[in-house]
PDB file of N, CA and C in Angstrom:
ATOM      1  N   MET A   1      16.048 -14.077   0.085  1.00  0.00           N
ATOM      2  CA  MET A   1      14.648 -13.305  -0.249  1.00  0.00           C
ATOM      3  C   MET A   1      14.295 -12.315  -0.505  1.00  0.00           C
ATOM      4  N   ALA A   2      13.621 -11.973  -1.322  1.00  0.00           N
ATOM      5  CA  ALA A   2      13.167 -10.492  -1.528  1.00  0.00           C
ATOM      6  C   ALA A   2      12.040 -10.369  -0.457  1.00  0.00           C
ATOM      7  N   GLY A   3      12.244  -8.807  -0.561  1.00  0.00           N
ATOM      8  CA  GLY A   3      11.909  -8.061   0.392  1.00  0.00           C
ATOM      9  C   GLY A   3      10.519  -7.668   0.250  1.00  0.00           C
ATOM     10  N   LYS A   4       9.343  -6.846   1.042  1.00  0.00           N
ATOM     11  CA  LYS A   4       8.233  -6.872   0.431  1.00  0.00           C
ATOM     12  C   LYS A   4       7.707  -5.161   1.327  1.00  0.00           C
ATOM     13  N   ILE A   5       6.420  -4.666   0.456  1.00  0.00           N
ATOM     14  CA  ILE A   5       6.461  -3.517   0.474  1.00  0.00           C
ATOM     15  C   ILE A   5       5.334  -3.350   0.655  1.00  0.00           C
ATOM     16  N   PHE A   6       4.601  -3.240   1.757  1.00  0.00           N
ATOM     17  CA  PHE A   6       3.075  -3.200   1.917  1.00  0.00           C
ATOM     18  C   PHE A   6       2.718  -1.911   2.023  1.00  0.00           C
ATOM     19  N   TYR A   7       1.316  -1.709   0.925  1.00  0.00           N
ATOM     20  CA  TYR A   7       0.578  -0.703   1.046  1.00  0.00           C
ATOM     21  C   TYR A   7      -0.751  -0.540   0.836  1.00  0.00           C
ATOM     22  N   ARG A   8      -1.197   0.281   1.239  1.00  0.00           N
ATOM     23  CA  ARG A   8      -2.665   0.297   0.860  1.00  0.00           C
ATOM     24  C   ARG A   8      -3.671   2.135   0.173  1.00  0.00           C
ATOM     25  N   GLU A   9      -4.539   1.547  -0.104  1.00  0.00           N
ATOM     26  CA  GLU A   9      -4.778   2.844  -1.065  1.00  0.00           C
ATOM     27  C   GLU A   9      -5.659   3.431  -0.046  1.00  0.00           C
ATOM     28  N   ARG A  10      -5.598   4.884  -0.164  1.00  0.00           N
ATOM     29  CA  ARG A  10      -5.733   5.956   1.058  1.00  0.00           C
ATOM     30  C   ARG A  10      -7.421   6.031   0.431  1.00  0.00           C
ATOM     31  N   LEU A  11      -8.141   6.344   1.595  1.00  0.00           N
ATOM     32  CA  LEU A  11      -9.735   6.154   1.910  1.00  0.00           C
ATOM     33  C   LEU A  11     -10.143   7.853   1.333  1.00  0.00           C
ATOM     34  N   LYS A  12      -9.296   8.710   1.467  1.00  0.00           N
ATOM     35  CA  LYS A  12     -10.146  10.422   1.227  1.00  0.00           C
ATOM     36  C   LYS A  12      -9.483  11.153   0.117  1.00  0.00           C
ATOM     37  N   VAL A  13      -9.041   9.844  -1.146  1.00  0.00           N
ATOM     38  CA  VAL A  13      -8.611  10.762  -1.949  1.00  0.00           C
ATOM     39  C   VAL A  13      -9.885   9.975  -3.000  1.00  0.00           C
ATOM     40  N   GLY A  14     -10.241  10.708  -3.744  1.00  0.00           N
ATOM     41  CA  GLY A  14     -11.218  10.442  -4.846  1.00  0.00           C
ATOM     42  C   GLY A  14     -10.297  10.149  -6.023  1.00  0.00           C
ATOM     43  N   GLU A  15     -11.394   9.719  -7.239  1.00  0.00           N
ATOM     44  CA  GLU A  15     -10.749   8.983  -8.555  1.00  0.00           C
ATOM     45  C   GLU A  15     -10.023  10.129  -9.178  1.00  0.00           C
ATOM     46  N   LYS A  16     -10.713  11.190  -9.484  1.00  0.00           N
ATOM     47  CA  LYS A  16     -10.097  11.904 -10.330  1.00  0.00           C
ATOM     48  C   LYS A  16      -9.347  13.091  -9.862  1.00  0.00           C
ATOM     49  N   GLU A  17      -8.743  12.951  -8.795  1.00  0.00           N
ATOM     50  CA  GLU A  17      -7.837  13.664  -8.054  1.00  0.00           C
ATOM     51  C   GLU A  17      -6.367  13.657  -8.126  1.00  0.00           C
ATOM     52  N   LYS A  18      -5.651  14.571  -8.115  1.00  0.00           N
ATOM     53  CA  LYS A  18      -4.366  14.211  -9.054  1.00  0.00           C
ATOM     54  C   LYS A  18      -3.619  14.211  -7.958  1.00  0.00           C
ATOM     55  N   LYS A  19      -3.829  13.303  -6.529  1.00  0.00           N
ATOM     56  CA  LYS A  19      -2.786  13.134  -5.562  1.00  0.00           C
ATOM     57  C   LYS A  19      -2.827  11.979  -5.720  1.00  0.00           C
ATOM     58  N   PRO A  20      -1.679  11.594  -4.786  1.00  0.00           N
ATOM     59  CA  PRO A  20      -0.922   9.981  -4.674  1.00  0.00           C
ATOM     60  C   PRO A  20      -1.924   9.527  -3.976  1.00  0.00           C
ATOM     61  N   ARG A  21      -2.710   8.037  -4.375  1.00  0.00           N
ATOM     62  CA  ARG A  21      -3.588   7.443  -3.814  1.00  0.00           C
ATOM     63  C   ARG A  21      -3.139   6.420  -2.880  1.00  0.00           C
ATOM     64  N   PHE A  22      -1.849   6.038  -2.559  1.00  0.00           N
ATOM     65  CA  PHE A  22      -1.601   5.104  -2.327  1.00  0.00           C
ATOM     66  C   PHE A  22      -0.595   5.474  -1.130  1.00  0.00           C
ATOM     67  N   LYS A  23      -0.826   4.814   0.432  1.00  0.00           N
ATOM     68  CA  LYS A  23      -0.269   4.895   1.636  1.00  0.00           C
ATOM     69  C   LYS A  23       0.549   4.159   2.044  1.00  0.00           C
ATOM     70  N   LEU A  24       1.924   4.241   1.822  1.00  0.00           N
ATOM     71  CA  LEU A  24       2.829   3.113   2.480  1.00  0.00           C
ATOM     72  C   LEU A  24       2.849   2.796   3.947  1.00  0.00           C
ATOM     73  N   VAL A  25       2.662   1.602   4.023  1.00  0.00           N
ATOM     74  CA  VAL A  25       2.326   1.165   5.416  1.00  0.00           C
ATOM     75  C   VAL A  25       3.612   0.551   6.470  1.00  0.00           C
ATOM     76  N   ALA A  26       4.271  -0.626   5.404  1.00  0.00           N
ATOM     77  CA  ALA A  26       5.622  -1.515   6.154  1.00  0.00           C
ATOM     78  C   ALA A  26       6.433  -1.922   4.999  1.00  0.00           C
ATOM     79  N   VAL A  27       7.298  -1.943   5.598  1.00  0.00           N
ATOM     80  CA  VAL A  27       8.657  -2.351   4.547  1.00  0.00           C
ATOM     81  C   VAL A  27       9.302  -3.768   5.464  1.00  0.00           C
ATOM     82  N   ALA A  28       9.922  -4.959   4.757  1.00  0.00           N
ATOM     83  CA  ALA A  28      10.134  -5.651   5.717  1.00  0.00           C
ATOM     84  C   ALA A  28      11.336  -6.284   4.670  1.00  0.00           C
ATOM     85  N   GLY A  29      12.372  -6.635   5.167  1.00  0.00           N
ATOM     86  CA  GLY A  29      13.428  -7.536   4.549  1.00  0.00           C
ATOM     87  C   GLY A  29      14.240  -6.549   3.135  1.00  0.00           C
ATOM     88  N   VAL A  30      14.041  -5.267   3.505  1.00  0.00           N
ATOM     89  CA  VAL A  30      14.830  -4.604   2.351  1.00  0.00           C
ATOM     90  C   VAL A  30      15.127  -3.055   3.322  1.00  0.00           C
ATOM     91  N   ASP A  31      16.612  -3.125   3.042  1.00  0.00           N
ATOM     92  CA  ASP A  31      16.971  -1.493   3.557  1.00  0.00           C
ATOM     93  C   ASP A  31      17.115  -0.742   2.920  1.00  0.00           C
ATOM     94  N   ILE A  32      15.810  -0.103   3.258  1.00  0.00           N
ATOM     95  CA  ILE A  32      15.584   1.242   2.241  1.00  0.00           C
ATOM     96  C   ILE A  32      14.340   2.138   3.380  1.00  0.00           C
ATOM     97  N   THR A  33      15.250   3.883   3.057  1.00  0.00           N
ATOM     98  CA  THR A  33      14.294   4.301   3.631  1.00  0.00           C
ATOM     99  C   THR A  33      12.995   5.196   2.576  1.00  0.00           C
ATOM    100  N   PHE A  34      12.016   5.465   3.194  1.00  0.00           N
ATOM    101  CA  PHE A  34      11.036   6.383   2.344  1.00  0.00           C
ATOM    102  C   PHE A  34      10.911   7.655   3.172  1.00  0.00           C
ATOM    103  N   TYR A  35      11.326   8.507   1.719  1.00  0.00           N
ATOM    104  CA  TYR A  35      10.606  10.121   2.826  1.00  0.00           C
ATOM    105  C   TYR A  35       9.462  10.676   2.291  1.00  0.00           C
ATOM    106  N   GLY A  36       8.669   9.926   1.952  1.00  0.00           N
ATOM    107  CA  GLY A  36       7.105  10.452   1.577  1.00  0.00           C
ATOM    108  C   GLY A  36       6.244   9.194   1.877  1.00  0.00           C
ATOM    109  N   ASP A  37       5.168   9.441   2.462  1.00  0.00           N
ATOM    110  CA  ASP A  37       4.133   8.438   3.222  1.00  0.00           C
ATOM    111  C   ASP A  37       3.283   8.042   1.755  1.00  0.00           C
ATOM    112  N   HIS A  38       2.728   9.091   0.897  1.00  0.00           N
ATOM    113  CA  HIS A  38       1.612   8.629   0.240  1.00  0.00           C
ATOM    114  C   HIS A  38       3.010   8.846  -1.281  1.00  0.00           C
ATOM    115  N   LEU A  39       2.415   7.971  -2.077  1.00  0.00           N
ATOM    116  CA  LEU A  39       2.807   7.809  -3.408  1.00  0.00           C
ATOM    117  C   LEU A  39       1.791   6.718  -4.361  1.00  0.00           C
ATOM    118  N   ARG A  40       2.367   7.231  -5.545  1.00  0.00           N
ATOM    119  CA  ARG A  40       1.424   6.795  -6.677  1.00  0.00           C
ATOM    120  C   ARG A  40       1.842   5.206  -7.017  1.00  0.00           C
ATOM    121  N   LYS A  41       1.232   4.548  -7.496  1.00  0.00           N
ATOM    122  CA  LYS A  41       1.112   3.239  -7.927  1.00  0.00           C
ATOM    123  C   LYS A  41       2.854   2.800  -8.796  1.00  0.00           C
ATOM    124  N   LYS A  42       2.969   3.938  -9.923  1.00  0.00           N
ATOM    125  CA  LYS A  42       4.085   4.076 -11.068  1.00  0.00           C
ATOM    126  C   LYS A  42       5.167   4.252 -10.061  1.00  0.00           C
ATOM    127  N   GLU A  43       5.308   4.983  -9.095  1.00  0.00           N
ATOM    128  CA  GLU A  43       6.170   5.362  -7.791  1.00  0.00           C
ATOM    129  C   GLU A  43       6.945   3.798  -7.441  1.00  0.00           C
ATOM    130  N   LEU A  44       5.478   3.275  -6.831  1.00  0.00           N
ATOM    131  CA  LEU A  44       5.846   1.902  -5.734  1.00  0.00           C
ATOM    132  C   LEU A  44       6.078   0.806  -6.299  1.00  0.00           C
ATOM    133  N   GLU A  45       5.732   0.818  -8.002  1.00  0.00           N
ATOM    134  CA  GLU A  45       6.805  -0.283  -8.811  1.00  0.00           C
ATOM    135  C   GLU A  45       7.881  -0.049  -9.211  1.00  0.00           C
ATOM    136  N   GLU A  46       8.300   0.875  -9.384  1.00  0.00           N
ATOM    137  CA  GLU A  46       9.653   1.520  -9.890  1.00  0.00           C
ATOM    138  C   GLU A  46      10.708   1.260  -8.777  1.00  0.00           C
ATOM    139  N   ILE A  47       9.727   1.338  -7.313  1.00  0.00           N
ATOM    140  CA  ILE A  47      10.759   1.391  -6.318  1.00  0.00           C
ATOM    141  C   ILE A  47      11.264  -0.087  -5.959  1.00  0.00           C
ATOM    142  N   ALA A  48       9.896  -0.930  -6.593  1.00  0.00           N
ATOM    143  CA  ALA A  48       9.812  -2.583  -5.663  1.00  0.00           C
ATOM    144  C   ALA A  48      10.728  -3.148  -6.727  1.00  0.00           C
ATOM    145  N   SER A  49      11.031  -2.697  -8.182  1.00  0.00           N
ATOM    146  CA  SER A  49      11.405  -3.412  -9.101  1.00  0.00           C
ATOM    147  C   SER A  49      13.068  -3.084  -9.292  1.00  0.00           C
ATOM    148  N   SER A  50      13.366  -1.689  -8.397  1.00  0.00           N
ATOM    149  CA  SER A  50      15.085  -1.501  -8.714  1.00  0.00           C
ATOM    150  C   SER A  50      15.427  -2.336  -7.398  1.00  0.00           C
ATOM    151  N   VAL A  51      14.807  -2.117  -5.999  1.00  0.00           N
ATOM    152  CA  VAL A  51      15.384  -3.008  -4.863  1.00  0.00           C
ATOM    153  C   VAL A  51      15.415  -4.046  -5.003  1.00  0.00           C
ATOM    154  N   GLY A  52      14.214  -4.994  -5.532  1.00  0.00           N
ATOM    155  CA  GLY A  52      13.834  -6.392  -5.598  1.00  0.00           C
ATOM    156  C   GLY A  52      13.105  -6.483  -4.932  1.00  0.00           C
ATOM    157  N   ALA A  53      11.726  -5.960  -4.730  1.00  0.00           N
ATOM    158  CA  ALA A  53      10.678  -6.163  -3.632  1.00  0.00           C
ATOM    159  C   ALA A  53       9.237  -6.236  -4.145  1.00  0.00           C
ATOM    160  N   GLU A  54       8.453  -7.073  -3.258  1.00  0.00           N
ATOM    161  CA  GLU A  54       7.575  -7.851  -3.796  1.00  0.00           C
ATOM    162  C   GLU A  54       6.416  -6.264  -3.122  1.00  0.00           C
ATOM    163  N   LEU A  55       5.544  -5.788  -4.079  1.00  0.00           N
ATOM    164  CA  LEU A  55       4.715  -5.162  -3.722  1.00  0.00           C
ATOM    165  C   LEU A  55       3.098  -5.978  -2.928  1.00  0.00           C
ATOM    166  N   VAL A  56       3.165  -5.417  -1.885  1.00  0.00           N
ATOM    167  CA  VAL A  56       1.294  -6.284  -1.246  1.00  0.00           C
ATOM    168  C   VAL A  56       0.833  -5.306  -1.061  1.00  0.00           C
ATOM    169  N   LEU A  57      -0.734  -5.213  -1.792  1.00  0.00           N
ATOM    170  CA  LEU A  57      -1.753  -4.558  -1.622  1.00  0.00           C
ATOM    171  C   LEU A  57      -2.135  -5.091  -0.130  1.00  0.00           C
ATOM    172  N   LEU A  58      -2.596  -4.083   0.374  1.00  0.00           N
ATOM    173  CA  LEU A  58      -3.388  -4.577   1.782  1.00  0.00           C
ATOM    174  C   LEU A  58      -5.003  -4.001   1.472  1.00  0.00           C
ATOM    175  N   LYS A  59      -5.864  -4.845   2.123  1.00  0.00           N
ATOM    176  CA  LYS A  59      -7.140  -4.374   1.992  1.00  0.00           C
ATOM    177  C   LYS A  59      -7.309  -2.971   2.990  1.00  0.00           C
ATOM    178  N   SER A  60      -8.264  -2.444   2.511  1.00  0.00           N
ATOM    179  CA  SER A  60      -8.836  -1.269   3.570  1.00  0.00           C
ATOM    180  C   SER A  60      -9.976  -1.023   3.915  1.00  0.00           C
ATOM    181  N   LYS A  61     -10.368  -0.186   4.870  1.00  0.00           N
ATOM    182  CA  LYS A  61     -11.416  -0.298   5.330  1.00  0.00           C
ATOM    183  C   LYS A  61     -12.544  -0.551   4.392  1.00  0.00           C
ATOM    184  N   LYS A  62     -12.788   0.303   3.268  1.00  0.00           N
ATOM    185  CA  LYS A  62     -13.467   0.457   2.508  1.00  0.00           C
ATOM    186  C   LYS A  62     -14.222  -0.891   1.645  1.00  0.00           C
ATOM    187  N   GLU A  63     -12.779  -1.542   1.731  1.00  0.00           N
ATOM    188  CA  GLU A  63     -13.593  -3.181   0.957  1.00  0.00           C
ATOM    189  C   GLU A  63     -13.887  -3.778   2.241  1.00  0.00           C
ATOM    190  N   ASP A  64     -13.463  -3.717   3.891  1.00  0.00           N
ATOM    191  CA  ASP A  64     -13.750  -4.444   4.970  1.00  0.00           C
ATOM    192  C   ASP A  64     -15.250  -4.590   5.142  1.00  0.00           C
ATOM    193  N   LYS A  65     -15.826  -3.182   4.488  1.00  0.00           N
ATOM    194  CA  LYS A  65     -17.258  -2.754   4.826  1.00  0.00           C
ATOM    195  C   LYS A  65     -18.234  -3.712   4.130  1.00  0.00           C
ATOM    196  N   ASP A  66     -17.909  -4.163   2.876  1.00  0.00           N
ATOM    197  CA  ASP A  66     -18.836  -4.698   2.137  1.00  0.00           C
ATOM    198  C   ASP A  66     -18.784  -6.619   2.092  1.00  0.00           C
ATOM    199  N   GLU A  67     -17.557  -7.017   3.047  1.00  0.00           N
ATOM    200  CA  GLU A  67     -18.159  -8.235   3.517  1.00  0.00           C
ATOM    201  C   GLU A  67     -18.117  -8.525   4.716  1.00  0.00           C
ATOM    202  N   GLU A  68     -19.297  -9.607   4.992  1.00  0.00           N
ATOM    203  CA  GLU A  68     -20.189  -9.925   6.423  1.00  0.00           C
ATOM    204  C   GLU A  68     -19.166 -10.327   6.984  1.00  0.00           C
ATOM    205  N   ILE A  69     -19.044  -9.786   9.082  1.00  0.00           N
ATOM    206  CA  ILE A  69     -18.346 -10.541   9.683  1.00  0.00           C
ATOM    207  C   ILE A  69     -18.637 -10.492  10.466  1.00  0.00           C
ATOM    208  N   GLU A  70     -18.938 -12.493  10.581  1.00  0.00           N
ATOM    209  CA  GLU A  70     -19.466 -12.258  11.819  1.00  0.00           C
ATOM    210  C   GLU A  70     -18.312 -12.735  13.334  1.00  0.00           C
ATOM    211  N   VAL A  71     -19.019 -11.759  14.382  1.00  0.00           N
ATOM    212  CA  VAL A  71     -17.784 -11.704  15.576  1.00  0.00           C
ATOM    213  C   VAL A  71     -19.009 -12.533  16.906  1.00  0.00           C
ATOM    214  N   LYS A  72     -17.918 -13.532  17.539  1.00  0.00           N
ATOM    215  CA  LYS A  72     -18.628 -14.491  18.684  1.00  0.00           C
ATOM    216  C   LYS A  72     -18.018 -13.975  19.560  1.00  0.00           C
ATOM    217  N   GLU A  73     -19.349 -13.867  20.664  1.00  0.00           N
ATOM    218  CA  GLU A  73     -18.571 -13.348  22.012  1.00  0.00           C
ATOM    219  C   GLU A  73     -18.486 -14.330  22.998  1.00  0.00           C
TER     220      GLU A  73
END
């Protein structure tokens, strides 16, 4: 079974900034150590392909605000 690398888009990085846009959240099923929290998409793809893992993009809070959520009490 291939492992999974979970990541999400950072909230405080603009479109034209030259900073890594993605935050590493979790790793499952792969014995790997990350030394950076903020990575570029290309870096994540390269790491995932070399260890045989699947990349999983998590929804950010920014995307959740667009959807209406009904809360039952």
